[in-house]
């Protein structure tokens, strides 16, 4: 009788072990479930694939592990384990087109004539601004670009200590070889003026700054000042590195909703 009990107990233990192994195997095969927030942007007909690439580059720079996918006319951004601030960061980055332009300003005589008669000469446009360091209320700049931001290969936020004891943030950037050559051509032209001329830097059509050129060569690098604080400079650095959006996505996504996905 004792032998039968031992046999039954052994069979029970064997059955339990087999069941445990099978259960473990099933658990291993179960797909992982990812939850988070999904943003959806409606794209116009014929939107180029470049939109998806630029968005993917910007979102990847945030380090959130977000996925970007295109389904028909929808551009979807899925942010796993998203916190409210993560979603806000993504939306803020996608509001900005990120078109960077460098334009040659008019020389002093042309600018003074425009100030006197109000007539914009051919080949120029007058841009308004809120920069206190620029003497003229409306600055004359050439309609053609000396250089566009697509030549930026690296950008990063930096800060410097001012005499007042406060920190001033700016974005330092580097250009590819062709961009560097064009940048130096514009610098040489402006530096040869007496007094030296200004190079207008526009971001999304708005005058960002117009520094006076102090050298005939920049060596492929420069800086953009007057952007704002640390967060604004970080955003701009990401936007310049990832590139400009060929079409605007709008201020807000068409929808924002939770998502649950098996991997």
C-alpha atoms as a PDB file:
ATOM      1  CA  UNK A   1       0.000   0.000   0.000  1.00  0.00           C
ATOM      2  CA  UNK A   2       2.824   2.313   0.853  1.00  0.00           C
ATOM      3  CA  UNK A   3       4.421   1.644  -2.548  1.00  0.00           C
ATOM      4  CA  UNK A   4       1.183   2.535  -4.337  1.00  0.00           C
ATOM      5  CA  UNK A   5       0.965   5.811  -2.422  1.00  0.00           C
ATOM      6  CA  UNK A   6       4.541   6.632  -3.344  1.00  0.00           C
ATOM      7  CA  UNK A   7       3.873   5.882  -7.001  1.00  0.00           C
ATOM      8  CA  UNK A   8       0.745   8.050  -6.994  1.00  0.00           C
ATOM      9  CA  UNK A   9       2.631  10.859  -5.304  1.00  0.00           C
ATOM     10  CA  UNK A  10       5.454  10.550  -7.843  1.00  0.00           C
ATOM     11  CA  UNK A  11       2.992  10.685 -10.744  1.00  0.00           C
ATOM     12  CA  UNK A  12       1.362  13.778  -9.198  1.00  0.00           C
ATOM     13  CA  UNK A  13       4.684  15.525  -8.838  1.00  0.00           C
ATOM     14  CA  UNK A  14       5.592  14.621 -12.419  1.00  0.00           C
ATOM     15  CA  UNK A  15       2.245  15.950 -13.672  1.00  0.00           C
ATOM     16  CA  UNK A  16       2.740  19.175 -11.692  1.00  0.00           C
ATOM     17  CA  UNK A  17       6.240  19.600 -13.112  1.00  0.00           C
ATOM     18  CA  UNK A  18       5.024  19.061 -16.671  1.00  0.00           C
ATOM     19  CA  UNK A  19       2.174  21.522 -16.078  1.00  0.00           C
ATOM     20  CA  UNK A  20       4.623  24.105 -14.688  1.00  0.00           C
ATOM     21  CA  UNK A  21       6.910  23.734 -17.698  1.00  0.00           C
ATOM     22  CA  UNK A  22       3.977  24.106 -20.096  1.00  0.00           C
ATOM     23  CA  UNK A  23       2.662  27.129 -18.207  1.00  0.00           C
ATOM     24  CA  UNK A  24       6.111  28.739 -18.280  1.00  0.00           C
ATOM     25  CA  UNK A  25       6.357  28.099 -22.038  1.00  0.00           C
ATOM     26  CA  UNK A  26       2.939  29.676 -22.597  1.00  0.00           C
ATOM     27  CA  UNK A  27       3.936  32.704 -20.549  1.00  0.00           C
ATOM     28  CA  UNK A  28       7.121  33.057 -22.579  1.00  0.00           C
ATOM     29  CA  UNK A  29       5.119  33.001 -25.807  1.00  0.00           C
ATOM     30  CA  UNK A  30       2.667  35.634 -24.620  1.00  0.00           C
ATOM     31  CA  UNK A  31       3.325  38.920 -26.458  1.00  0.00           C
ATOM     32  CA  UNK A  32       4.395  41.928 -24.431  1.00  0.00           C
ATOM     33  CA  UNK A  33       1.772  44.647 -24.161  1.00  0.00           C
ATOM     34  CA  UNK A  34       2.858  48.244 -24.676  1.00  0.00           C
ATOM     35  CA  UNK A  35       0.609  51.092 -23.554  1.00  0.00           C
ATOM     36  CA  UNK A  36       0.955  54.812 -24.076  1.00  0.00           C
ATOM     37  CA  UNK A  37      -0.402  57.800 -25.990  1.00  0.00           C
ATOM     38  CA  UNK A  38      -0.956  58.102 -29.716  1.00  0.00           C
ATOM     39  CA  UNK A  39      -0.992  61.398 -31.628  1.00  0.00           C
ATOM     40  CA  UNK A  40      -2.536  61.592 -35.083  1.00  0.00           C
ATOM     41  CA  UNK A  41      -1.824  64.274 -37.689  1.00  0.00           C
ATOM     42  CA  UNK A  42      -3.836  64.474 -40.914  1.00  0.00           C
ATOM     43  CA  UNK A  43      -1.613  64.904 -43.982  1.00  0.00           C
ATOM     44  CA  UNK A  44      -2.687  66.624 -47.198  1.00  0.00           C
ATOM     45  CA  UNK A  45      -2.847  64.620 -50.409  1.00  0.00           C
ATOM     46  CA  UNK A  46       0.545  64.033 -51.946  1.00  0.00           C
ATOM     47  CA  UNK A  47       2.492  64.786 -48.754  1.00  0.00           C
ATOM     48  CA  UNK A  48       6.101  63.676 -49.372  1.00  0.00           C
ATOM     49  CA  UNK A  49       7.754  60.866 -47.412  1.00  0.00           C
ATOM     50  CA  UNK A  50      10.209  63.453 -46.139  1.00  0.00           C
ATOM     51  CA  UNK A  51       7.546  64.558 -43.633  1.00  0.00           C
ATOM     52  CA  UNK A  52       7.698  61.164 -41.949  1.00  0.00           C
ATOM     53  CA  UNK A  53      11.510  61.181 -41.940  1.00  0.00           C
ATOM     54  CA  UNK A  54      11.761  64.637 -40.381  1.00  0.00           C
ATOM     55  CA  UNK A  55       9.172  63.837 -37.713  1.00  0.00           C
ATOM     56  CA  UNK A  56      10.945  60.569 -36.909  1.00  0.00           C
ATOM     57  CA  UNK A  57      14.244  62.418 -36.501  1.00  0.00           C
ATOM     58  CA  UNK A  58      12.776  65.039 -34.188  1.00  0.00           C
ATOM     59  CA  UNK A  59      10.914  62.547 -32.032  1.00  0.00           C
ATOM     60  CA  UNK A  60      13.933  60.212 -31.796  1.00  0.00           C
ATOM     61  CA  UNK A  61      16.028  63.086 -30.430  1.00  0.00           C
ATOM     62  CA  UNK A  62      13.745  63.250 -27.378  1.00  0.00           C
ATOM     63  CA  UNK A  63      14.745  59.709 -26.389  1.00  0.00           C
ATOM     64  CA  UNK A  64      11.194  58.561 -25.624  1.00  0.00           C
ATOM     65  CA  UNK A  65      11.283  55.384 -27.696  1.00  0.00           C
ATOM     66  CA  UNK A  66       8.341  56.687 -29.736  1.00  0.00           C
ATOM     67  CA  UNK A  67       7.336  55.108 -33.046  1.00  0.00           C
ATOM     68  CA  UNK A  68       6.307  57.050 -36.142  1.00  0.00           C
ATOM     69  CA  UNK A  69       4.108  55.382 -38.737  1.00  0.00           C
ATOM     70  CA  UNK A  70       2.122  56.499 -41.745  1.00  0.00           C
ATOM     71  CA  UNK A  71      -1.265  54.958 -42.408  1.00  0.00           C
ATOM     72  CA  UNK A  72      -2.965  56.458 -45.443  1.00  0.00           C
ATOM     73  CA  UNK A  73      -3.290  60.175 -44.854  1.00  0.00           C
ATOM     74  CA  UNK A  74      -2.553  59.867 -41.142  1.00  0.00           C
ATOM     75  CA  UNK A  75       0.817  60.331 -39.513  1.00  0.00           C
ATOM     76  CA  UNK A  76       0.803  58.488 -36.183  1.00  0.00           C
ATOM     77  CA  UNK A  77       3.202  59.004 -33.288  1.00  0.00           C
ATOM     78  CA  UNK A  78       2.979  56.377 -30.527  1.00  0.00           C
ATOM     79  CA  UNK A  79       4.716  57.253 -27.276  1.00  0.00           C
ATOM     80  CA  UNK A  80       5.061  54.284 -24.874  1.00  0.00           C
ATOM     81  CA  UNK A  81       4.530  54.884 -21.150  1.00  0.00           C
ATOM     82  CA  UNK A  82       3.918  58.515 -21.992  1.00  0.00           C
ATOM     83  CA  UNK A  83       3.796  61.133 -19.282  1.00  0.00           C
ATOM     84  CA  UNK A  84       1.945  64.402 -19.945  1.00  0.00           C
ATOM     85  CA  UNK A  85       5.238  66.269 -20.316  1.00  0.00           C
ATOM     86  CA  UNK A  86       6.408  63.745 -22.952  1.00  0.00           C
ATOM     87  CA  UNK A  87       3.333  64.381 -25.065  1.00  0.00           C
ATOM     88  CA  UNK A  88       3.756  68.145 -24.627  1.00  0.00           C
ATOM     89  CA  UNK A  89       7.397  67.928 -25.790  1.00  0.00           C
ATOM     90  CA  UNK A  90       6.448  66.055 -28.970  1.00  0.00           C
ATOM     91  CA  UNK A  91       3.606  68.431 -29.845  1.00  0.00           C
ATOM     92  CA  UNK A  92       5.791  71.477 -29.224  1.00  0.00           C
ATOM     93  CA  UNK A  93       8.534  70.173 -31.538  1.00  0.00           C
ATOM     94  CA  UNK A  94       6.068  69.481 -34.341  1.00  0.00           C
ATOM     95  CA  UNK A  95       4.474  72.953 -34.259  1.00  0.00           C
ATOM     96  CA  UNK A  96       7.600  74.520 -35.734  1.00  0.00           C
ATOM     97  CA  UNK A  97       8.330  74.159 -39.449  1.00  0.00           C
ATOM     98  CA  UNK A  98      12.018  74.803 -38.773  1.00  0.00           C
ATOM     99  CA  UNK A  99      12.904  76.651 -41.973  1.00  0.00           C
ATOM    100  CA  UNK A 100      16.216  78.423 -41.415  1.00  0.00           C
ATOM    101  CA  UNK A 101      17.439  81.078 -43.864  1.00  0.00           C
ATOM    102  CA  UNK A 102      20.481  83.319 -44.023  1.00  0.00           C
ATOM    103  CA  UNK A 103      19.991  86.505 -46.048  1.00  0.00           C
ATOM    104  CA  UNK A 104      22.308  89.364 -46.950  1.00  0.00           C
ATOM    105  CA  UNK A 105      21.062  92.735 -45.694  1.00  0.00           C
ATOM    106  CA  UNK A 106      21.099  95.937 -47.727  1.00  0.00           C
ATOM    107  CA  UNK A 107      24.123  98.184 -47.362  1.00  0.00           C
ATOM    108  CA  UNK A 108      23.792 101.365 -45.338  1.00  0.00           C
ATOM    109  CA  UNK A 109      23.079 103.724 -48.284  1.00  0.00           C
ATOM    110  CA  UNK A 110      20.237 101.537 -49.591  1.00  0.00           C
ATOM    111  CA  UNK A 111      18.790 101.133 -46.093  1.00  0.00           C
ATOM    112  CA  UNK A 112      18.909 104.914 -45.426  1.00  0.00           C
ATOM    113  CA  UNK A 113      17.241 105.688 -48.767  1.00  0.00           C
ATOM    114  CA  UNK A 114      14.433 103.264 -47.924  1.00  0.00           C
ATOM    115  CA  UNK A 115      14.071 104.902 -44.521  1.00  0.00           C
ATOM    116  CA  UNK A 116      13.654 108.283 -46.226  1.00  0.00           C
ATOM    117  CA  UNK A 117      11.286 107.427 -49.085  1.00  0.00           C
ATOM    118  CA  UNK A 118       9.666 104.155 -47.925  1.00  0.00           C
ATOM    119  CA  UNK A 119      10.245 102.501 -51.308  1.00  0.00           C
ATOM    120  CA  UNK A 120      11.520  98.929 -51.270  1.00  0.00           C
ATOM    121  CA  UNK A 121      14.123  98.511 -54.038  1.00  0.00           C
ATOM    122  CA  UNK A 122      13.974  95.608 -56.469  1.00  0.00           C
ATOM    123  CA  UNK A 123      15.518  92.416 -55.158  1.00  0.00           C
ATOM    124  CA  UNK A 124      14.830  93.279 -51.513  1.00  0.00           C
ATOM    125  CA  UNK A 125      12.057  92.925 -48.980  1.00  0.00           C
ATOM    126  CA  UNK A 126      11.448  94.819 -45.750  1.00  0.00           C
ATOM    127  CA  UNK A 127      11.039  92.624 -42.665  1.00  0.00           C
ATOM    128  CA  UNK A 128       9.612  93.692 -39.336  1.00  0.00           C
ATOM    129  CA  UNK A 129      11.208  92.518 -36.110  1.00  0.00           C
ATOM    130  CA  UNK A 130      11.267  92.981 -32.359  1.00  0.00           C
ATOM    131  CA  UNK A 131      15.051  92.973 -31.939  1.00  0.00           C
ATOM    132  CA  UNK A 132      16.205  95.940 -29.870  1.00  0.00           C
ATOM    133  CA  UNK A 133      19.791  95.736 -31.108  1.00  0.00           C
ATOM    134  CA  UNK A 134      18.762  96.426 -34.732  1.00  0.00           C
ATOM    135  CA  UNK A 135      18.705 100.131 -35.521  1.00  0.00           C
ATOM    136  CA  UNK A 136      16.045 100.117 -38.241  1.00  0.00           C
ATOM    137  CA  UNK A 137      12.401  99.297 -37.488  1.00  0.00           C
ATOM    138  CA  UNK A 138      12.178  97.489 -40.816  1.00  0.00           C
ATOM    139  CA  UNK A 139      15.282  95.840 -42.163  1.00  0.00           C
ATOM    140  CA  UNK A 140      15.920  95.466 -45.872  1.00  0.00           C
ATOM    141  CA  UNK A 141      17.121  91.990 -46.818  1.00  0.00           C
ATOM    142  CA  UNK A 142      17.669  90.349 -50.164  1.00  0.00           C
ATOM    143  CA  UNK A 143      14.833  88.165 -51.431  1.00  0.00           C
ATOM    144  CA  UNK A 144      17.251  85.378 -52.380  1.00  0.00           C
ATOM    145  CA  UNK A 145      18.839  83.202 -49.701  1.00  0.00           C
ATOM    146  CA  UNK A 146      22.575  83.156 -49.207  1.00  0.00           C
ATOM    147  CA  UNK A 147      22.123  79.825 -47.447  1.00  0.00           C
ATOM    148  CA  UNK A 148      19.278  77.616 -46.210  1.00  0.00           C
ATOM    149  CA  UNK A 149      19.204  75.485 -43.085  1.00  0.00           C
ATOM    150  CA  UNK A 150      19.249  72.170 -44.939  1.00  0.00           C
ATOM    151  CA  UNK A 151      23.049  72.396 -44.840  1.00  0.00           C
ATOM    152  CA  UNK A 152      23.165  72.135 -41.038  1.00  0.00           C
ATOM    153  CA  UNK A 153      24.784  68.839 -40.019  1.00  0.00           C
ATOM    154  CA  UNK A 154      24.950  69.457 -36.280  1.00  0.00           C
ATOM    155  CA  UNK A 155      23.406  71.868 -33.802  1.00  0.00           C
ATOM    156  CA  UNK A 156      23.491  71.994 -30.022  1.00  0.00           C
ATOM    157  CA  UNK A 157      22.388  74.350 -27.254  1.00  0.00           C
ATOM    158  CA  UNK A 158      25.123  76.154 -25.367  1.00  0.00           C
ATOM    159  CA  UNK A 159      25.306  78.931 -22.803  1.00  0.00           C
ATOM    160  CA  UNK A 160      27.744  81.639 -21.852  1.00  0.00           C
ATOM    161  CA  UNK A 161      28.117  83.717 -18.709  1.00  0.00           C
ATOM    162  CA  UNK A 162      27.303  87.376 -19.258  1.00  0.00           C
ATOM    163  CA  UNK A 163      28.908  90.336 -17.409  1.00  0.00           C
ATOM    164  CA  UNK A 164      25.636  90.726 -15.503  1.00  0.00           C
ATOM    165  CA  UNK A 165      26.182  87.282 -13.996  1.00  0.00           C
ATOM    166  CA  UNK A 166      23.310  85.664 -15.921  1.00  0.00           C
ATOM    167  CA  UNK A 167      23.603  82.910 -18.513  1.00  0.00           C
ATOM    168  CA  UNK A 168      22.699  83.544 -22.146  1.00  0.00           C
ATOM    169  CA  UNK A 169      21.639  80.539 -24.198  1.00  0.00           C
ATOM    170  CA  UNK A 170      22.314  80.180 -27.916  1.00  0.00           C
ATOM    171  CA  UNK A 171      22.433  77.452 -30.566  1.00  0.00           C
ATOM    172  CA  UNK A 172      25.814  76.593 -32.062  1.00  0.00           C
ATOM    173  CA  UNK A 173      25.661  74.961 -35.492  1.00  0.00           C
ATOM    174  CA  UNK A 174      27.946  73.361 -38.057  1.00  0.00           C
ATOM    175  CA  UNK A 175      27.437  73.257 -41.838  1.00  0.00           C
ATOM    176  CA  UNK A 176      28.410  70.733 -44.463  1.00  0.00           C
ATOM    177  CA  UNK A 177      31.187  71.615 -46.934  1.00  0.00           C
ATOM    178  CA  UNK A 178      28.892  73.198 -49.526  1.00  0.00           C
ATOM    179  CA  UNK A 179      27.020  75.147 -46.875  1.00  0.00           C
ATOM    180  CA  UNK A 180      30.274  76.340 -45.314  1.00  0.00           C
ATOM    181  CA  UNK A 181      31.482  77.652 -48.682  1.00  0.00           C
ATOM    182  CA  UNK A 182      28.233  79.569 -49.255  1.00  0.00           C
ATOM    183  CA  UNK A 183      28.316  80.924 -45.720  1.00  0.00           C
ATOM    184  CA  UNK A 184      31.865  82.225 -46.254  1.00  0.00           C
ATOM    185  CA  UNK A 185      30.882  83.809 -49.593  1.00  0.00           C
ATOM    186  CA  UNK A 186      28.180  85.820 -47.817  1.00  0.00           C
ATOM    187  CA  UNK A 187      30.558  86.667 -44.961  1.00  0.00           C
ATOM    188  CA  UNK A 188      33.242  87.939 -47.351  1.00  0.00           C
ATOM    189  CA  UNK A 189      30.722  90.154 -49.153  1.00  0.00           C
ATOM    190  CA  UNK A 190      29.442  91.694 -45.924  1.00  0.00           C
ATOM    191  CA  UNK A 191      32.840  92.024 -44.264  1.00  0.00           C
ATOM    192  CA  UNK A 192      34.178  93.979 -47.253  1.00  0.00           C
ATOM    193  CA  UNK A 193      31.618  96.739 -46.654  1.00  0.00           C
ATOM    194  CA  UNK A 194      32.516  99.791 -44.644  1.00  0.00           C
ATOM    195  CA  UNK A 195      31.183  99.590 -42.073  1.00  0.00           C
ATOM    196  CA  UNK A 196      30.778  95.780 -42.243  1.00  0.00           C
ATOM    197  CA  UNK A 197      27.275  94.604 -43.114  1.00  0.00           C
ATOM    198  CA  UNK A 198      24.816  92.397 -41.256  1.00  0.00           C
ATOM    199  CA  UNK A 199      23.719  88.850 -42.032  1.00  0.00           C
ATOM    200  CA  UNK A 200      20.010  88.322 -41.374  1.00  0.00           C
ATOM    201  CA  UNK A 201      19.020  85.007 -39.807  1.00  0.00           C
ATOM    202  CA  UNK A 202      15.367  84.080 -40.325  1.00  0.00           C
ATOM    203  CA  UNK A 203      13.531  81.223 -38.674  1.00  0.00           C
ATOM    204  CA  UNK A 204      10.172  80.280 -40.183  1.00  0.00           C
ATOM    205  CA  UNK A 205      10.027  83.638 -41.951  1.00  0.00           C
ATOM    206  CA  UNK A 206      10.645  85.703 -38.822  1.00  0.00           C
ATOM    207  CA  UNK A 207      13.833  87.694 -38.315  1.00  0.00           C
ATOM    208  CA  UNK A 208      15.702  86.011 -35.479  1.00  0.00           C
ATOM    209  CA  UNK A 209      18.802  88.171 -35.450  1.00  0.00           C
ATOM    210  CA  UNK A 210      21.060  90.197 -37.737  1.00  0.00           C
ATOM    211  CA  UNK A 211      24.617  90.132 -36.384  1.00  0.00           C
ATOM    212  CA  UNK A 212      27.272  92.357 -37.903  1.00  0.00           C
ATOM    213  CA  UNK A 213      29.842  90.217 -39.706  1.00  0.00           C
ATOM    214  CA  UNK A 214      33.203  90.477 -37.958  1.00  0.00           C
ATOM    215  CA  UNK A 215      35.180  88.098 -40.152  1.00  0.00           C
ATOM    216  CA  UNK A 216      35.416  87.094 -43.805  1.00  0.00           C
ATOM    217  CA  UNK A 217      35.337  83.382 -42.935  1.00  0.00           C
ATOM    218  CA  UNK A 218      33.215  81.418 -40.480  1.00  0.00           C
ATOM    219  CA  UNK A 219      34.780  78.024 -41.205  1.00  0.00           C
ATOM    220  CA  UNK A 220      31.397  76.305 -41.432  1.00  0.00           C
ATOM    221  CA  UNK A 221      30.194  77.143 -37.937  1.00  0.00           C
ATOM    222  CA  UNK A 222      28.125  79.855 -36.325  1.00  0.00           C
ATOM    223  CA  UNK A 223      25.596  80.579 -33.628  1.00  0.00           C
ATOM    224  CA  UNK A 224      21.992  81.727 -33.349  1.00  0.00           C
ATOM    225  CA  UNK A 225      21.268  83.986 -30.420  1.00  0.00           C
ATOM    226  CA  UNK A 226      18.117  85.526 -29.011  1.00  0.00           C
ATOM    227  CA  UNK A 227      16.212  82.241 -29.144  1.00  0.00           C
ATOM    228  CA  UNK A 228      15.160  82.193 -25.493  1.00  0.00           C
ATOM    229  CA  UNK A 229      16.089  79.942 -22.592  1.00  0.00           C
ATOM    230  CA  UNK A 230      17.509  76.442 -22.375  1.00  0.00           C
ATOM    231  CA  UNK A 231      14.353  74.607 -23.467  1.00  0.00           C
ATOM    232  CA  UNK A 232      13.842  76.802 -26.538  1.00  0.00           C
ATOM    233  CA  UNK A 233      17.464  76.331 -27.571  1.00  0.00           C
ATOM    234  CA  UNK A 234      17.246  72.559 -27.130  1.00  0.00           C
ATOM    235  CA  UNK A 235      14.115  72.498 -29.297  1.00  0.00           C
ATOM    236  CA  UNK A 236      15.739  74.606 -32.004  1.00  0.00           C
ATOM    237  CA  UNK A 237      18.873  72.428 -32.032  1.00  0.00           C
ATOM    238  CA  UNK A 238      16.717  69.322 -32.560  1.00  0.00           C
ATOM    239  CA  UNK A 239      14.698  71.014 -35.305  1.00  0.00           C
ATOM    240  CA  UNK A 240      17.793  72.249 -37.181  1.00  0.00           C
ATOM    241  CA  UNK A 241      19.499  68.852 -37.018  1.00  0.00           C
ATOM    242  CA  UNK A 242      16.421  66.876 -38.107  1.00  0.00           C
ATOM    243  CA  UNK A 243      15.570  69.357 -40.856  1.00  0.00           C
ATOM    244  CA  UNK A 244      12.618  71.525 -41.788  1.00  0.00           C
ATOM    245  CA  UNK A 245       9.146  70.101 -42.333  1.00  0.00           C
ATOM    246  CA  UNK A 246       8.215  70.369 -46.029  1.00  0.00           C
ATOM    247  CA  UNK A 247       4.588  70.989 -44.995  1.00  0.00           C
ATOM    248  CA  UNK A 248       3.161  72.316 -41.708  1.00  0.00           C
ATOM    249  CA  UNK A 249       1.467  69.815 -39.406  1.00  0.00           C
ATOM    250  CA  UNK A 250      -0.662  72.373 -37.578  1.00  0.00           C
ATOM    251  CA  UNK A 251      -0.592  73.663 -34.039  1.00  0.00           C
ATOM    252  CA  UNK A 252      -2.330  70.593 -32.594  1.00  0.00           C
ATOM    253  CA  UNK A 253      -2.788  66.961 -33.709  1.00  0.00           C
ATOM    254  CA  UNK A 254      -6.169  65.920 -35.071  1.00  0.00           C
ATOM    255  CA  UNK A 255      -6.524  63.474 -32.206  1.00  0.00           C
ATOM    256  CA  UNK A 256      -4.749  62.298 -29.077  1.00  0.00           C
ATOM    257  CA  UNK A 257      -5.747  58.981 -27.527  1.00  0.00           C
ATOM    258  CA  UNK A 258      -4.428  56.074 -25.439  1.00  0.00           C
ATOM    259  CA  UNK A 259      -3.127  53.067 -27.308  1.00  0.00           C
ATOM    260  CA  UNK A 260      -2.464  49.448 -26.328  1.00  0.00           C
ATOM    261  CA  UNK A 261      -0.309  47.328 -28.579  1.00  0.00           C
ATOM    262  CA  UNK A 262       0.987  43.772 -28.434  1.00  0.00           C
ATOM    263  CA  UNK A 263       4.602  43.304 -29.404  1.00  0.00           C
END
